[in-house]
C-alpha atoms as a PDB file:
ATOM      1  CA  UNK A   1      73.131  58.419  54.656  1.00  0.00           C
ATOM      2  CA  UNK A   2      75.750  56.352  57.188  1.00  0.00           C
ATOM      3  CA  UNK A   3      74.674  54.946  60.702  1.00  0.00           C
ATOM      4  CA  UNK A   4      76.266  53.665  63.327  1.00  0.00           C
ATOM      5  CA  UNK A   5      76.716  50.048  62.575  1.00  0.00           C
ATOM      6  CA  UNK A   6      78.917  48.975  65.222  1.00  0.00           C
ATOM      7  CA  UNK A   7      81.060  50.244  68.183  1.00  0.00           C
ATOM      8  CA  UNK A   8      84.556  49.225  68.560  1.00  0.00           C
ATOM      9  CA  UNK A   9      85.503  48.257  72.124  1.00  0.00           C
ATOM     10  CA  UNK A  10      88.819  48.057  73.071  1.00  0.00           C
ATOM     11  CA  UNK A  11      89.013  45.113  75.766  1.00  0.00           C
ATOM     12  CA  UNK A  12      91.774  43.407  77.335  1.00  0.00           C
ATOM     13  CA  UNK A  13      89.680  40.260  77.700  1.00  0.00           C
ATOM     14  CA  UNK A  14      86.937  39.235  75.068  1.00  0.00           C
ATOM     15  CA  UNK A  15      85.580  36.562  76.917  1.00  0.00           C
ATOM     16  CA  UNK A  16      84.864  38.575  80.042  1.00  0.00           C
ATOM     17  CA  UNK A  17      83.874  41.372  78.034  1.00  0.00           C
ATOM     18  CA  UNK A  18      81.282  39.529  76.008  1.00  0.00           C
ATOM     19  CA  UNK A  19      79.661  38.103  79.187  1.00  0.00           C
ATOM     20  CA  UNK A  20      79.607  41.456  80.852  1.00  0.00           C
ATOM     21  CA  UNK A  21      78.401  43.487  77.359  1.00  0.00           C
ATOM     22  CA  UNK A  22      75.692  40.508  76.481  1.00  0.00           C
ATOM     23  CA  UNK A  23      74.056  40.822  79.745  1.00  0.00           C
ATOM     24  CA  UNK A  24      74.377  44.604  80.179  1.00  0.00           C
ATOM     25  CA  UNK A  25      72.698  45.169  77.135  1.00  0.00           C
ATOM     26  CA  UNK A  26      70.604  42.138  76.136  1.00  0.00           C
ATOM     27  CA  UNK A  27      72.919  41.457  73.276  1.00  0.00           C
ATOM     28  CA  UNK A  28      73.816  38.007  71.565  1.00  0.00           C
ATOM     29  CA  UNK A  29      76.730  36.295  70.442  1.00  0.00           C
ATOM     30  CA  UNK A  30      77.458  36.531  66.673  1.00  0.00           C
ATOM     31  CA  UNK A  31      78.997  33.298  64.693  1.00  0.00           C
ATOM     32  CA  UNK A  32      82.226  35.474  65.163  1.00  0.00           C
ATOM     33  CA  UNK A  33      82.872  35.319  68.822  1.00  0.00           C
ATOM     34  CA  UNK A  34      84.374  38.896  68.842  1.00  0.00           C
ATOM     35  CA  UNK A  35      80.844  40.649  67.781  1.00  0.00           C
ATOM     36  CA  UNK A  36      77.938  40.874  69.855  1.00  0.00           C
ATOM     37  CA  UNK A  37      74.571  41.518  67.855  1.00  0.00           C
ATOM     38  CA  UNK A  38      71.780  43.104  69.201  1.00  0.00           C
ATOM     39  CA  UNK A  39      67.929  41.767  69.050  1.00  0.00           C
ATOM     40  CA  UNK A  40      66.673  45.297  67.472  1.00  0.00           C
ATOM     41  CA  UNK A  41      67.760  45.251  64.084  1.00  0.00           C
ATOM     42  CA  UNK A  42      68.586  48.817  64.183  1.00  0.00           C
ATOM     43  CA  UNK A  43      70.730  48.969  66.969  1.00  0.00           C
ATOM     44  CA  UNK A  44      74.798  49.089  66.382  1.00  0.00           C
ATOM     45  CA  UNK A  45      76.340  45.937  67.083  1.00  0.00           C
ATOM     46  CA  UNK A  46      79.531  45.373  69.342  1.00  0.00           C
ATOM     47  CA  UNK A  47      82.754  44.359  68.294  1.00  0.00           C
ATOM     48  CA  UNK A  48      85.169  43.446  71.149  1.00  0.00           C
ATOM     49  CA  UNK A  49      88.728  43.701  69.659  1.00  0.00           C
ATOM     50  CA  UNK A  50      92.095  43.715  72.287  1.00  0.00           C
ATOM     51  CA  UNK A  51      94.167  45.521  69.766  1.00  0.00           C
ATOM     52  CA  UNK A  52      92.036  48.043  68.237  1.00  0.00           C
ATOM     53  CA  UNK A  53      91.309  51.446  69.928  1.00  0.00           C
ATOM     54  CA  UNK A  54      87.351  52.353  70.764  1.00  0.00           C
ATOM     55  CA  UNK A  55      86.064  53.894  67.647  1.00  0.00           C
ATOM     56  CA  UNK A  56      82.824  54.248  65.739  1.00  0.00           C
ATOM     57  CA  UNK A  57      82.295  52.364  62.583  1.00  0.00           C
ATOM     58  CA  UNK A  58      79.661  54.208  60.628  1.00  0.00           C
ATOM     59  CA  UNK A  59      78.208  51.843  57.837  1.00  0.00           C
ATOM     60  CA  UNK A  60      77.552  53.007  54.216  1.00  0.00           C
ATOM     61  CA  UNK A  61      75.242  50.686  51.655  1.00  0.00           C
ATOM     62  CA  UNK A  62      77.737  50.610  48.905  1.00  0.00           C
ATOM     63  CA  UNK A  63      80.957  52.425  47.445  1.00  0.00           C
ATOM     64  CA  UNK A  64      79.002  55.327  46.136  1.00  0.00           C
ATOM     65  CA  UNK A  65      77.418  56.127  49.187  1.00  0.00           C
ATOM     66  CA  UNK A  66      80.819  55.269  51.167  1.00  0.00           C
ATOM     67  CA  UNK A  67      82.603  57.948  48.540  1.00  0.00           C
ATOM     68  CA  UNK A  68      79.664  60.635  49.122  1.00  0.00           C
ATOM     69  CA  UNK A  69      79.627  60.405  52.840  1.00  0.00           C
ATOM     70  CA  UNK A  70      83.453  60.456  53.233  1.00  0.00           C
ATOM     71  CA  UNK A  71      83.139  63.440  51.464  1.00  0.00           C
ATOM     72  CA  UNK A  72      80.437  64.860  53.376  1.00  0.00           C
ATOM     73  CA  UNK A  73      82.239  64.108  56.674  1.00  0.00           C
ATOM     74  CA  UNK A  74      85.085  66.118  55.629  1.00  0.00           C
ATOM     75  CA  UNK A  75      83.217  68.999  54.490  1.00  0.00           C
ATOM     76  CA  UNK A  76      81.809  69.134  58.094  1.00  0.00           C
ATOM     77  CA  UNK A  77      84.858  69.228  59.706  1.00  0.00           C
ATOM     78  CA  UNK A  78      86.544  65.605  59.656  1.00  0.00           C
ATOM     79  CA  UNK A  79      90.183  64.721  58.345  1.00  0.00           C
ATOM     80  CA  UNK A  80      91.422  61.586  56.570  1.00  0.00           C
ATOM     81  CA  UNK A  81      93.998  59.788  58.770  1.00  0.00           C
ATOM     82  CA  UNK A  82      97.069  58.356  57.372  1.00  0.00           C
ATOM     83  CA  UNK A  83      96.290  54.751  57.598  1.00  0.00           C
ATOM     84  CA  UNK A  84      98.053  51.326  56.821  1.00  0.00           C
ATOM     85  CA  UNK A  85      95.242  50.232  54.684  1.00  0.00           C
ATOM     86  CA  UNK A  86      94.916  46.619  53.473  1.00  0.00           C
ATOM     87  CA  UNK A  87      94.899  45.510  49.632  1.00  0.00           C
ATOM     88  CA  UNK A  88      91.081  44.762  49.875  1.00  0.00           C
ATOM     89  CA  UNK A  89      90.107  47.627  52.339  1.00  0.00           C
ATOM     90  CA  UNK A  90      86.104  48.107  52.530  1.00  0.00           C
ATOM     91  CA  UNK A  91      86.827  51.110  55.015  1.00  0.00           C
ATOM     92  CA  UNK A  92      88.255  54.399  55.227  1.00  0.00           C
ATOM     93  CA  UNK A  93      89.519  56.228  58.506  1.00  0.00           C
ATOM     94  CA  UNK A  94      88.684  59.594  59.406  1.00  0.00           C
ATOM     95  CA  UNK A  95      89.072  61.655  62.305  1.00  0.00           C
ATOM     96  CA  UNK A  96      86.693  63.786  63.720  1.00  0.00           C
ATOM     97  CA  UNK A  97      87.327  67.842  64.645  1.00  0.00           C
ATOM     98  CA  UNK A  98      88.520  66.310  68.247  1.00  0.00           C
ATOM     99  CA  UNK A  99      90.697  63.993  66.825  1.00  0.00           C
ATOM    100  CA  UNK A 100      88.542  61.124  67.374  1.00  0.00           C
ATOM    101  CA  UNK A 101      89.022  58.157  65.028  1.00  0.00           C
ATOM    102  CA  UNK A 102      86.453  56.572  63.255  1.00  0.00           C
ATOM    103  CA  UNK A 103      85.432  54.216  60.107  1.00  0.00           C
ATOM    104  CA  UNK A 104      83.271  54.778  57.180  1.00  0.00           C
ATOM    105  CA  UNK A 105      82.696  51.174  55.989  1.00  0.00           C
ATOM    106  CA  UNK A 106      81.328  49.875  52.491  1.00  0.00           C
ATOM    107  CA  UNK A 107      78.861  47.282  53.892  1.00  0.00           C
ATOM    108  CA  UNK A 108      77.899  46.235  50.085  1.00  0.00           C
ATOM    109  CA  UNK A 109      81.755  44.992  49.633  1.00  0.00           C
END
């Protein structure tokens, strides 16, 4: 089953957001400065992004689980979103019944 792996926050200033959220949540900077990681290995990381909109990244263990979960989520009421994917995309963009976007990511890719 998928889990919330990351919360993508749309921010206007990554440094300011990183300073705030790391102190607010006790998260630490990752090797990639766009990410803050929790000390609890089960908590989602934060992805600070100045271009993308705020959304959830749901993580699947591999391609088979990703495919199964996408089908399951669609059966629950999600819908595929017309998206321009890069050739090596490891994610599928869906929308919940209210139109909120989220990604299902193949973490084994």
